[in-house]
C-alpha cells in the first residue's frame, strides 16, 4: 500500500505556530510518526509539504502515475477556498482523507467550510497529531477492505 500525505500552507510551522491549537509537535515529528505507523501497518508512507499552491497541484497530479493508493491531506488554509487543489484531488481515483490538527468546526466561522470535504472519504479533525494517525489507520483499513 502506497499512501501519500500532503501538508499545505503554513504547516511547516507546526511546533512554532499557536501551540494551543496545534500542539508542539513539528511537521518532521508528525511525518516520522506516520512513516513508523505505516511500516507497522504494512504501508509505504510518503510525505510532502509546500506553501505554494501550484506545487501542491503538481504533486497531486504526480499521484496519478506514481502508484499512490490513498491520500491524506491537511490543506491548511487552502481547505476553505482552494478550488484548484480540490479539483486536482477530484481527478484522483484514490480515496482521500481530510485531516486537521484542530477542530475547524469549533474555530472562526470561515474555517467551518471545507471545499475538500465533499470529495473526501472522511474528515478527521481536532485530535492533534492523532488526527493524522487515525486518518492513516482509516486509509489502510479502506485499502484492505477494497482488496477483500
N, C-alpha and C. Protein backbone atom coordinates (compact mmCIF):
# COMPACT_ATOMS: atom_id res chain seq x y z
N UNK A 1 0.84 -1.18 0.00
CA UNK A 1 0.00 0.00 0.00
C UNK A 1 0.88 1.24 0.00
N UNK A 2 0.61 2.11 -0.92
CA UNK A 2 1.37 3.36 -1.02
C UNK A 2 0.44 4.53 -0.69
N UNK A 3 0.75 5.24 0.39
CA UNK A 3 -0.10 6.32 0.88
C UNK A 3 0.68 7.62 0.88
N UNK A 4 0.08 8.63 0.28
CA UNK A 4 0.68 9.96 0.18
C UNK A 4 0.04 10.89 1.22
N UNK A 5 0.89 11.56 1.99
CA UNK A 5 0.43 12.54 2.98
C UNK A 5 0.83 13.93 2.47
N UNK A 6 -0.17 14.78 2.27
CA UNK A 6 0.05 16.12 1.77
C UNK A 6 -0.24 17.14 2.86
N UNK A 7 0.68 18.07 3.05
CA UNK A 7 0.51 19.15 4.02
C UNK A 7 0.63 20.48 3.31
N UNK A 8 -0.33 21.34 3.56
CA UNK A 8 -0.40 22.60 2.86
C UNK A 8 0.24 23.76 3.56
N UNK A 9 -0.25 24.90 3.19
CA UNK A 9 0.30 26.20 3.54
C UNK A 9 0.43 26.41 5.06
N UNK A 10 1.59 26.85 5.47
CA UNK A 10 1.96 27.19 6.85
C UNK A 10 2.14 25.98 7.77
N UNK A 11 1.91 24.78 7.29
CA UNK A 11 2.00 23.62 8.17
C UNK A 11 3.44 23.23 8.48
N UNK A 12 4.38 23.76 7.73
CA UNK A 12 5.79 23.60 8.07
C UNK A 12 6.12 24.32 9.38
N UNK A 13 5.20 25.13 9.87
CA UNK A 13 5.40 25.88 11.10
C UNK A 13 4.83 25.18 12.33
N UNK A 14 4.33 23.95 12.17
CA UNK A 14 3.91 23.19 13.35
C UNK A 14 5.07 23.16 14.34
N UNK A 15 4.75 23.26 15.60
CA UNK A 15 5.77 23.31 16.65
C UNK A 15 6.09 24.74 17.05
N UNK A 16 5.84 25.68 16.13
CA UNK A 16 6.06 27.10 16.40
C UNK A 16 4.74 27.87 16.38
N UNK A 17 3.80 27.38 15.60
CA UNK A 17 2.54 28.08 15.35
C UNK A 17 1.50 27.73 16.41
N UNK A 18 0.98 28.69 17.11
CA UNK A 18 -0.14 28.57 18.05
C UNK A 18 -0.25 27.19 18.71
N UNK A 19 0.62 26.91 19.68
CA UNK A 19 0.61 25.59 20.32
C UNK A 19 -0.73 25.22 20.97
N UNK A 20 -1.54 26.21 21.32
CA UNK A 20 -2.85 25.92 21.91
C UNK A 20 -3.74 25.19 20.90
N UNK A 21 -3.64 25.58 19.64
CA UNK A 21 -4.44 24.95 18.59
C UNK A 21 -3.76 23.71 18.00
N UNK A 22 -2.44 23.77 17.86
CA UNK A 22 -1.74 22.77 17.07
C UNK A 22 -0.76 21.90 17.86
N UNK A 23 -0.57 22.18 19.14
CA UNK A 23 0.39 21.41 19.92
C UNK A 23 1.81 21.84 19.63
N UNK A 24 2.76 21.05 20.09
CA UNK A 24 4.18 21.41 19.96
C UNK A 24 4.95 20.49 19.03
N UNK A 25 4.30 19.48 18.48
CA UNK A 25 4.98 18.57 17.55
C UNK A 25 5.32 19.31 16.27
N UNK A 26 6.50 19.04 15.74
CA UNK A 26 6.90 19.62 14.46
C UNK A 26 6.37 18.75 13.32
N UNK A 27 6.36 19.30 12.12
CA UNK A 27 5.93 18.52 10.96
C UNK A 27 6.86 17.33 10.74
N UNK A 28 8.15 17.52 10.98
CA UNK A 28 9.11 16.40 10.84
C UNK A 28 8.76 15.27 11.81
N UNK A 29 8.36 15.63 13.03
CA UNK A 29 7.96 14.60 14.00
C UNK A 29 6.67 13.90 13.58
N UNK A 30 5.73 14.66 13.05
CA UNK A 30 4.48 14.07 12.57
C UNK A 30 4.78 13.12 11.41
N UNK A 31 5.60 13.57 10.46
CA UNK A 31 5.97 12.71 9.33
C UNK A 31 6.63 11.43 9.80
N UNK A 32 7.54 11.53 10.77
CA UNK A 32 8.23 10.34 11.28
C UNK A 32 7.24 9.38 11.95
N UNK A 33 6.27 9.91 12.67
CA UNK A 33 5.24 9.07 13.29
C UNK A 33 4.40 8.36 12.24
N UNK A 34 4.08 9.06 11.17
CA UNK A 34 3.29 8.46 10.09
C UNK A 34 4.07 7.36 9.37
N UNK A 35 5.32 7.61 9.09
CA UNK A 35 6.15 6.60 8.42
C UNK A 35 6.27 5.36 9.32
N UNK A 36 6.49 5.57 10.61
CA UNK A 36 6.63 4.45 11.54
C UNK A 36 5.33 3.65 11.64
N UNK A 37 4.20 4.34 11.76
CA UNK A 37 2.92 3.64 11.83
C UNK A 37 2.63 2.94 10.50
N UNK A 38 2.95 3.59 9.41
CA UNK A 38 2.77 2.97 8.11
C UNK A 38 3.53 1.66 8.00
N UNK A 39 4.78 1.66 8.44
CA UNK A 39 5.58 0.43 8.43
C UNK A 39 4.91 -0.66 9.26
N UNK A 40 4.44 -0.28 10.42
CA UNK A 40 3.75 -1.22 11.31
C UNK A 40 2.50 -1.81 10.65
N UNK A 41 1.80 -0.99 9.85
CA UNK A 41 0.56 -1.41 9.22
C UNK A 41 0.76 -2.01 7.82
N UNK A 42 2.01 -2.05 7.36
CA UNK A 42 2.31 -2.61 6.05
C UNK A 42 2.09 -1.64 4.90
N UNK A 43 2.22 -0.35 5.19
CA UNK A 43 2.04 0.68 4.16
C UNK A 43 3.30 1.51 4.01
N UNK A 44 3.55 1.92 2.78
CA UNK A 44 4.64 2.85 2.49
C UNK A 44 4.05 4.26 2.51
N UNK A 45 4.57 5.11 3.37
CA UNK A 45 4.05 6.47 3.52
C UNK A 45 5.07 7.46 2.97
N UNK A 46 4.62 8.31 2.06
CA UNK A 46 5.43 9.41 1.53
C UNK A 46 4.78 10.71 1.96
N UNK A 47 5.59 11.65 2.44
CA UNK A 47 5.08 12.93 2.95
C UNK A 47 5.59 14.09 2.10
N UNK A 48 4.73 15.08 1.90
CA UNK A 48 5.06 16.25 1.10
C UNK A 48 4.40 17.48 1.71
N UNK A 49 5.14 18.58 1.77
CA UNK A 49 4.60 19.85 2.26
C UNK A 49 5.07 20.96 1.35
N UNK A 50 4.18 21.91 1.09
CA UNK A 50 4.54 23.10 0.35
C UNK A 50 3.67 24.27 0.77
N UNK A 51 4.20 25.46 0.58
CA UNK A 51 3.45 26.69 0.80
C UNK A 51 3.01 27.30 -0.53
N UNK A 52 3.20 26.56 -1.62
CA UNK A 52 2.90 27.05 -2.96
C UNK A 52 1.80 26.20 -3.58
N UNK A 53 0.68 26.81 -3.85
CA UNK A 53 -0.49 26.09 -4.32
C UNK A 53 -0.21 25.31 -5.61
N UNK A 54 0.50 25.91 -6.53
CA UNK A 54 0.81 25.23 -7.78
C UNK A 54 1.66 23.97 -7.56
N UNK A 55 2.61 24.05 -6.63
CA UNK A 55 3.42 22.87 -6.31
C UNK A 55 2.55 21.76 -5.73
N UNK A 56 1.57 22.13 -4.90
CA UNK A 56 0.66 21.12 -4.35
C UNK A 56 -0.13 20.46 -5.47
N UNK A 57 -0.64 21.24 -6.39
CA UNK A 57 -1.39 20.68 -7.52
C UNK A 57 -0.50 19.76 -8.34
N UNK A 58 0.73 20.16 -8.59
CA UNK A 58 1.66 19.31 -9.36
C UNK A 58 1.92 17.99 -8.64
N UNK A 59 2.06 18.03 -7.31
CA UNK A 59 2.29 16.78 -6.57
C UNK A 59 1.06 15.88 -6.62
N UNK A 60 -0.11 16.48 -6.55
CA UNK A 60 -1.34 15.70 -6.69
C UNK A 60 -1.41 15.08 -8.07
N UNK A 61 -1.08 15.83 -9.10
CA UNK A 61 -1.06 15.29 -10.46
C UNK A 61 -0.10 14.10 -10.56
N UNK A 62 1.04 14.20 -9.92
CA UNK A 62 2.02 13.10 -9.96
C UNK A 62 1.47 11.83 -9.31
N UNK A 63 0.54 11.99 -8.38
CA UNK A 63 -0.05 10.83 -7.70
C UNK A 63 -0.86 9.96 -8.65
N UNK A 64 -1.22 10.48 -9.81
CA UNK A 64 -1.95 9.69 -10.81
C UNK A 64 -1.10 8.56 -11.36
N UNK A 65 0.20 8.75 -11.39
CA UNK A 65 1.06 7.77 -12.06
C UNK A 65 2.13 7.16 -11.17
N UNK A 66 2.21 7.56 -9.91
CA UNK A 66 3.31 7.07 -9.06
C UNK A 66 2.91 5.92 -8.15
N UNK A 67 1.73 5.36 -8.35
CA UNK A 67 1.30 4.23 -7.55
C UNK A 67 0.59 4.59 -6.26
N UNK A 68 0.31 5.86 -6.04
CA UNK A 68 -0.41 6.27 -4.84
C UNK A 68 -1.77 5.60 -4.80
N UNK A 69 -2.06 4.96 -3.65
CA UNK A 69 -3.33 4.25 -3.49
C UNK A 69 -4.31 4.98 -2.57
N UNK A 70 -3.83 5.90 -1.75
CA UNK A 70 -4.68 6.71 -0.87
C UNK A 70 -3.94 8.00 -0.55
N UNK A 71 -4.71 9.05 -0.27
CA UNK A 71 -4.14 10.36 0.03
C UNK A 71 -4.71 10.86 1.35
N UNK A 72 -3.82 11.28 2.24
CA UNK A 72 -4.19 12.04 3.44
C UNK A 72 -3.80 13.47 3.15
N UNK A 73 -4.70 14.41 3.37
CA UNK A 73 -4.36 15.80 3.11
C UNK A 73 -4.83 16.71 4.23
N UNK A 74 -3.89 17.53 4.70
CA UNK A 74 -4.20 18.66 5.56
C UNK A 74 -3.86 19.89 4.71
N UNK A 75 -4.86 20.48 4.07
CA UNK A 75 -4.57 21.60 3.19
C UNK A 75 -4.26 22.90 3.91
N UNK A 76 -4.39 22.94 5.24
CA UNK A 76 -4.22 24.19 5.94
C UNK A 76 -5.31 25.16 5.50
N UNK A 77 -4.98 26.41 5.36
CA UNK A 77 -5.97 27.43 4.98
C UNK A 77 -6.57 27.16 3.60
N UNK A 78 -5.88 26.42 2.75
CA UNK A 78 -6.44 26.09 1.43
C UNK A 78 -7.73 25.29 1.55
N UNK A 79 -7.94 24.66 2.70
CA UNK A 79 -9.16 23.90 2.96
C UNK A 79 -10.39 24.70 2.60
N UNK A 80 -10.35 25.99 2.88
CA UNK A 80 -11.54 26.82 2.85
C UNK A 80 -11.78 27.53 1.53
N UNK A 81 -10.79 27.49 0.62
CA UNK A 81 -11.00 28.27 -0.61
C UNK A 81 -10.29 27.75 -1.85
N UNK A 82 -9.46 26.73 -1.76
CA UNK A 82 -8.69 26.35 -2.95
C UNK A 82 -9.44 25.34 -3.82
N UNK A 83 -10.16 25.89 -4.78
CA UNK A 83 -10.85 25.03 -5.73
C UNK A 83 -9.86 24.36 -6.67
N UNK A 84 -8.69 24.96 -6.85
CA UNK A 84 -7.66 24.33 -7.68
C UNK A 84 -7.17 23.02 -7.06
N UNK A 85 -6.90 23.04 -5.77
CA UNK A 85 -6.48 21.81 -5.08
C UNK A 85 -7.63 20.83 -5.03
N UNK A 86 -8.82 21.29 -4.75
CA UNK A 86 -9.99 20.42 -4.73
C UNK A 86 -10.17 19.72 -6.07
N UNK A 87 -10.08 20.48 -7.17
CA UNK A 87 -10.28 19.89 -8.49
C UNK A 87 -9.17 18.91 -8.84
N UNK A 88 -7.93 19.20 -8.44
CA UNK A 88 -6.83 18.26 -8.69
C UNK A 88 -7.07 16.96 -7.93
N UNK A 89 -7.51 17.06 -6.68
CA UNK A 89 -7.81 15.86 -5.88
C UNK A 89 -8.97 15.07 -6.49
N UNK A 90 -9.97 15.77 -7.01
CA UNK A 90 -11.15 15.11 -7.56
C UNK A 90 -10.81 14.24 -8.77
N UNK A 91 -9.72 14.51 -9.43
CA UNK A 91 -9.31 13.71 -10.58
C UNK A 91 -8.77 12.35 -10.15
N UNK A 92 -8.26 12.27 -8.93
CA UNK A 92 -7.68 11.02 -8.43
C UNK A 92 -8.74 9.94 -8.27
N UNK A 93 -8.34 8.69 -8.50
CA UNK A 93 -9.24 7.58 -8.19
C UNK A 93 -8.98 7.04 -6.79
N UNK A 94 -7.87 7.44 -6.18
CA UNK A 94 -7.51 7.02 -4.83
C UNK A 94 -8.42 7.71 -3.82
N UNK A 95 -8.77 7.01 -2.72
CA UNK A 95 -9.57 7.66 -1.68
C UNK A 95 -8.77 8.76 -0.98
N UNK A 96 -9.49 9.81 -0.59
CA UNK A 96 -8.89 10.99 0.03
C UNK A 96 -9.42 11.11 1.45
N UNK A 97 -8.51 11.36 2.39
CA UNK A 97 -8.85 11.52 3.80
C UNK A 97 -8.39 12.90 4.23
N UNK A 98 -9.33 13.75 4.64
CA UNK A 98 -9.01 15.11 5.05
C UNK A 98 -8.65 15.12 6.53
N UNK A 99 -7.57 15.81 6.86
CA UNK A 99 -7.02 15.82 8.21
C UNK A 99 -6.84 17.26 8.69
N UNK A 100 -7.19 17.47 9.97
CA UNK A 100 -6.90 18.76 10.61
C UNK A 100 -6.49 18.51 12.06
N UNK A 101 -5.45 19.17 12.49
CA UNK A 101 -4.99 19.05 13.88
C UNK A 101 -6.02 19.65 14.84
N UNK A 102 -6.56 20.81 14.49
CA UNK A 102 -7.54 21.47 15.34
C UNK A 102 -8.95 21.11 14.86
N UNK A 103 -9.92 21.38 15.70
CA UNK A 103 -11.32 21.17 15.31
C UNK A 103 -11.77 22.42 14.56
N UNK A 104 -11.73 22.34 13.24
CA UNK A 104 -12.04 23.51 12.41
C UNK A 104 -13.48 23.97 12.62
N UNK A 105 -14.35 23.10 13.10
CA UNK A 105 -15.75 23.45 13.29
C UNK A 105 -15.99 24.19 14.61
N UNK A 106 -14.97 24.24 15.46
CA UNK A 106 -15.09 24.95 16.74
C UNK A 106 -14.25 26.23 16.74
N UNK A 107 -13.84 26.65 15.56
CA UNK A 107 -12.99 27.83 15.44
C UNK A 107 -13.74 28.95 14.72
N UNK A 108 -13.00 29.89 14.14
CA UNK A 108 -13.61 31.01 13.44
C UNK A 108 -14.56 30.50 12.35
N UNK A 109 -15.61 31.26 12.10
CA UNK A 109 -16.65 30.85 11.15
C UNK A 109 -16.09 30.51 9.77
N UNK A 110 -15.10 31.27 9.30
CA UNK A 110 -14.58 30.99 7.95
C UNK A 110 -13.93 29.62 7.85
N UNK A 111 -13.53 29.05 8.99
CA UNK A 111 -12.88 27.73 8.98
C UNK A 111 -13.89 26.58 8.97
N UNK A 112 -15.15 26.87 9.15
CA UNK A 112 -16.16 25.81 9.25
C UNK A 112 -16.43 25.13 7.92
N UNK A 113 -16.17 25.80 6.81
CA UNK A 113 -16.45 25.25 5.49
C UNK A 113 -15.17 24.69 4.86
N UNK A 114 -15.29 23.49 4.32
CA UNK A 114 -14.18 22.87 3.59
C UNK A 114 -14.61 22.60 2.16
N UNK A 115 -13.82 23.07 1.20
CA UNK A 115 -14.10 22.76 -0.20
C UNK A 115 -13.61 21.35 -0.55
N UNK A 116 -12.87 20.73 0.35
CA UNK A 116 -12.32 19.39 0.15
C UNK A 116 -13.28 18.31 0.62
N UNK A 117 -14.05 18.58 1.66
CA UNK A 117 -14.79 17.52 2.35
C UNK A 117 -15.75 16.75 1.46
N UNK A 118 -16.36 17.39 0.48
CA UNK A 118 -17.34 16.65 -0.33
C UNK A 118 -16.70 15.65 -1.29
N UNK A 119 -15.40 15.71 -1.47
CA UNK A 119 -14.74 14.70 -2.30
C UNK A 119 -13.89 13.74 -1.46
N UNK A 120 -13.88 13.96 -0.15
CA UNK A 120 -13.09 13.12 0.76
C UNK A 120 -13.92 11.95 1.26
N UNK A 121 -13.24 10.83 1.51
CA UNK A 121 -13.88 9.67 2.13
C UNK A 121 -14.36 10.05 3.52
N UNK A 122 -13.56 10.89 4.21
CA UNK A 122 -13.93 11.34 5.54
C UNK A 122 -13.01 12.45 5.98
N UNK A 123 -13.38 13.07 7.10
CA UNK A 123 -12.59 14.16 7.67
C UNK A 123 -12.34 13.84 9.14
N UNK A 124 -11.08 13.95 9.55
CA UNK A 124 -10.72 13.74 10.95
C UNK A 124 -10.09 15.04 11.44
N UNK A 125 -10.69 15.62 12.47
CA UNK A 125 -10.26 16.94 12.94
C UNK A 125 -10.34 17.01 14.46
N UNK A 126 -9.39 17.74 15.04
CA UNK A 126 -9.48 18.08 16.45
C UNK A 126 -8.69 17.20 17.40
N UNK A 127 -7.93 16.27 16.89
CA UNK A 127 -7.20 15.34 17.74
C UNK A 127 -5.69 15.53 17.70
N UNK A 128 -5.24 16.70 17.25
CA UNK A 128 -3.81 16.96 17.19
C UNK A 128 -3.12 15.97 16.27
N UNK A 129 -1.95 15.52 16.66
CA UNK A 129 -1.18 14.56 15.85
C UNK A 129 -2.00 13.28 15.62
N UNK A 130 -2.81 12.91 16.58
CA UNK A 130 -3.62 11.70 16.42
C UNK A 130 -4.57 11.80 15.23
N UNK A 131 -4.94 12.99 14.81
CA UNK A 131 -5.78 13.12 13.61
C UNK A 131 -5.09 12.47 12.42
N UNK A 132 -3.80 12.70 12.27
CA UNK A 132 -3.04 12.09 11.18
C UNK A 132 -2.99 10.57 11.33
N UNK A 133 -2.71 10.11 12.53
CA UNK A 133 -2.56 8.67 12.76
C UNK A 133 -3.89 7.95 12.58
N UNK A 134 -4.98 8.56 13.02
CA UNK A 134 -6.31 7.98 12.81
C UNK A 134 -6.64 7.93 11.32
N UNK A 135 -6.29 8.98 10.59
CA UNK A 135 -6.54 9.00 9.15
C UNK A 135 -5.73 7.93 8.44
N UNK A 136 -4.49 7.73 8.86
CA UNK A 136 -3.67 6.68 8.25
C UNK A 136 -4.29 5.31 8.51
N UNK A 137 -4.73 5.07 9.73
CA UNK A 137 -5.40 3.79 10.04
C UNK A 137 -6.66 3.62 9.18
N UNK A 138 -7.43 4.69 9.01
CA UNK A 138 -8.63 4.63 8.19
C UNK A 138 -8.28 4.32 6.73
N UNK A 139 -7.23 4.94 6.23
CA UNK A 139 -6.82 4.71 4.83
C UNK A 139 -6.39 3.25 4.64
N UNK A 140 -5.58 2.75 5.55
CA UNK A 140 -5.13 1.35 5.45
C UNK A 140 -6.33 0.41 5.52
N UNK A 141 -7.24 0.67 6.42
CA UNK A 141 -8.45 -0.16 6.57
C UNK A 141 -9.27 -0.14 5.27
N UNK A 142 -9.44 1.04 4.68
CA UNK A 142 -10.21 1.16 3.44
C UNK A 142 -9.53 0.39 2.31
N UNK A 143 -8.22 0.50 2.22
CA UNK A 143 -7.50 -0.21 1.15
C UNK A 143 -7.58 -1.72 1.35
N UNK A 144 -7.45 -2.16 2.59
CA UNK A 144 -7.56 -3.59 2.87
C UNK A 144 -8.95 -4.09 2.52
N UNK A 145 -9.98 -3.34 2.88
CA UNK A 145 -11.36 -3.75 2.59
C UNK A 145 -11.58 -3.82 1.07
N UNK A 146 -11.01 -2.88 0.34
CA UNK A 146 -11.17 -2.87 -1.12
C UNK A 146 -10.50 -4.08 -1.77
N UNK A 147 -9.48 -4.58 -1.13
CA UNK A 147 -8.75 -5.74 -1.67
C UNK A 147 -9.43 -7.05 -1.30
N UNK A 148 -10.37 -6.97 -0.35
CA UNK A 148 -11.13 -8.17 0.04
C UNK A 148 -10.48 -8.90 1.09
